[in-house]
Protein backbone atom coordinates (compact mmCIF):
# COMPACT_ATOMS: atom_id res chain seq x y z
CA MET A 1 21.31 54.10 -112.78
CA ALA A 2 24.96 54.39 -113.58
CA PHE A 3 26.39 55.92 -116.74
CA LYS A 4 28.05 52.80 -117.91
CA LYS A 5 25.10 50.78 -117.55
CA GLN A 6 22.49 53.24 -119.16
CA THR A 7 25.29 53.83 -122.04
CA ILE A 8 25.79 50.31 -122.49
CA ILE A 9 21.93 49.33 -122.84
CA ILE A 10 21.48 52.11 -124.96
CA ALA A 11 24.17 50.59 -127.35
CA ALA A 12 22.48 47.19 -127.16
CA ILE A 13 19.18 48.65 -128.19
CA PHE A 14 20.81 50.62 -131.14
CA GLY A 15 22.68 47.56 -131.80
CA GLY A 16 19.97 45.10 -132.28
CA LEU A 17 17.92 47.49 -133.55
CA ALA A 18 20.64 47.85 -136.59
CA VAL A 19 20.93 44.08 -136.60
CA ALA A 20 17.05 43.94 -137.51
CA LEU A 21 16.97 46.95 -139.62
CA GLY A 22 19.78 45.41 -141.93
CA ALA A 23 17.97 42.07 -142.01
CA PHE A 24 14.73 43.22 -142.68
CA GLY A 25 16.03 45.78 -144.96
CA ALA A 26 18.18 42.91 -146.99
CA HIS A 27 15.14 40.83 -146.88
CA ALA A 28 11.61 42.04 -146.07
CA LEU A 29 12.42 45.64 -147.46
CA LYS A 30 14.07 44.60 -150.46
CA HIS A 31 11.35 45.52 -153.13
CA ILE A 32 10.22 48.79 -151.59
CA LEU A 33 13.89 50.20 -151.14
CA SER A 34 14.68 49.10 -155.18
CA GLU A 35 11.16 50.47 -155.76
CA HIS A 36 12.54 53.75 -154.60
CA GLN A 37 16.43 52.78 -155.57
CA ARG A 38 17.50 53.51 -152.15
CA ALA A 39 18.99 50.44 -150.93
CA ASP A 40 22.41 52.28 -150.54
CA THR A 41 20.88 55.06 -148.36
CA TYR A 42 19.18 52.35 -146.35
CA GLU A 43 22.48 50.43 -146.08
CA LEU A 44 24.23 53.73 -145.23
CA ALA A 45 21.97 54.64 -142.38
CA VAL A 46 22.12 50.83 -140.80
CA ARG A 47 26.41 51.24 -141.43
CA TYR A 48 26.25 55.05 -139.35
CA GLN A 49 23.91 53.44 -136.58
CA PHE A 50 26.59 50.32 -135.94
CA TYR A 51 29.05 52.69 -136.18
CA HIS A 52 27.98 54.85 -133.24
CA THR A 53 26.76 52.25 -131.47
CA CYS A 54 30.50 51.19 -131.12
CA ALA A 55 31.22 54.83 -130.37
CA LEU A 56 28.71 54.53 -127.39
CA LEU A 57 30.32 51.41 -126.08
CA ALA A 58 33.48 53.11 -126.43
CA LEU A 59 32.35 55.69 -124.16
CA ALA A 60 31.14 53.58 -121.70
CA ALA A 61 34.49 51.71 -121.69
CA VAL A 62 36.20 54.20 -120.63
CA TYR A 63 33.86 56.25 -118.70
CA ASP A 64 36.32 56.14 -115.69
CA HIS A 65 38.93 58.35 -117.29
CA LEU A 66 36.25 60.94 -118.76
CA HIS A 67 34.90 63.83 -117.60
CA GLU A 68 31.86 62.82 -116.24
CA SER A 69 28.92 65.51 -117.63
CA LYS A 70 31.02 66.27 -120.61
CA ALA A 71 30.84 62.29 -121.04
CA GLY A 72 26.87 62.81 -120.86
CA TRP A 73 26.68 65.46 -123.51
CA ALA A 74 28.95 63.16 -125.66
CA ARG A 75 26.16 60.28 -124.91
CA LEU A 76 23.12 62.68 -125.52
CA ALA A 77 24.76 63.71 -129.07
CA PHE A 78 25.45 60.37 -130.36
CA THR A 79 22.10 59.51 -129.13
CA ILE A 80 20.18 62.15 -130.81
CA GLY A 81 22.70 61.66 -133.86
CA ILE A 82 21.74 58.27 -134.55
CA ILE A 83 18.18 59.05 -134.49
CA VAL A 84 18.01 61.63 -136.42
CA PHE A 85 20.89 60.92 -138.85
CA SER A 86 19.59 57.09 -139.75
CA GLY A 87 16.12 57.48 -138.70
CA SER A 88 15.74 60.27 -141.41
CA LEU A 89 17.83 57.93 -144.09
CA TYR A 90 15.49 54.95 -143.23
CA ILE A 91 12.35 57.28 -143.55
CA LEU A 92 13.72 58.77 -146.91
CA SER A 93 14.57 54.92 -148.12
CA LEU A 94 11.09 53.81 -147.17
CA THR A 95 8.89 56.46 -148.35
CA GLY A 96 11.01 57.60 -151.37
CA VAL A 97 9.94 61.36 -149.94
CA THR A 98 13.50 63.07 -150.51
CA VAL A 99 12.60 66.02 -148.00
CA TRP A 100 13.86 63.82 -145.25
CA GLY A 101 17.35 64.35 -146.75
CA ALA A 102 17.45 67.94 -145.52
CA VAL A 103 16.83 66.26 -142.26
CA THR A 104 20.20 64.00 -142.51
CA PRO A 105 22.93 66.73 -141.99
CA ILE A 106 21.39 67.84 -138.73
CA GLY A 107 22.08 64.05 -137.21
CA GLY A 108 25.23 64.36 -139.03
CA VAL A 109 26.16 67.25 -137.14
CA ALA A 110 24.94 65.69 -133.71
CA LEU A 111 26.82 62.79 -134.53
CA ILE A 112 30.17 65.00 -135.14
CA ALA A 113 29.17 66.78 -132.10
CA GLY A 114 29.34 63.43 -130.28
CA TRP A 115 32.72 62.68 -131.52
CA VAL A 116 33.87 66.29 -129.92
CA LEU A 117 32.78 65.78 -127.20
CA PHE A 118 33.85 63.02 -126.32
CA ALA A 119 37.32 64.28 -127.21
CA TRP A 120 36.95 67.49 -124.69
CA ALA A 121 35.21 64.69 -122.33
CA ALA A 122 38.65 62.89 -122.26
CA GLY A 123 41.09 65.67 -122.62
CA SER A 124 39.27 67.35 -119.57
CA GLN A 125 40.05 67.11 -115.61
CA LYS A 126 37.60 64.47 -114.26
CA ALA A 127 35.24 66.33 -112.38
C-alpha cells in the first residue's frame, strides 16, 4: 500500500479514536476523571492526539515533495509519539497511577522527533 494511503488511514484511525475518546471522557468517564482529578490531563491527551493526527495528514498531503524514507521515519515517530504520549496520559487519567507520568516524556520526545524528521524530509532531496 502506498505511503500516502497508509498515512491517511493511520491518521483517520487516530482522528476517529480522538473524537470517541474525547466524547467518552466528557460523558462516560467524567466521574472517574473527576475522582482522580485528571480531566485536564485527559483533555491534553485528546488534544495532542488531534494535533498530531493533523501532522500525519499534512505529511500525507505534501509527501510528493518529501524525501521518501525520511518521511517514513517522521510518520513512525508521530505514530509512536501519539501512542506513548497520549496513551500514557489516558492511562494516568483513568487509573490515577502517577508512574505513567514518567512515560509521557518519552512520547513527547517522539513527537518532537516527528517534527524534526518532517523538516528533514522537506529539506532533503527527494530520493
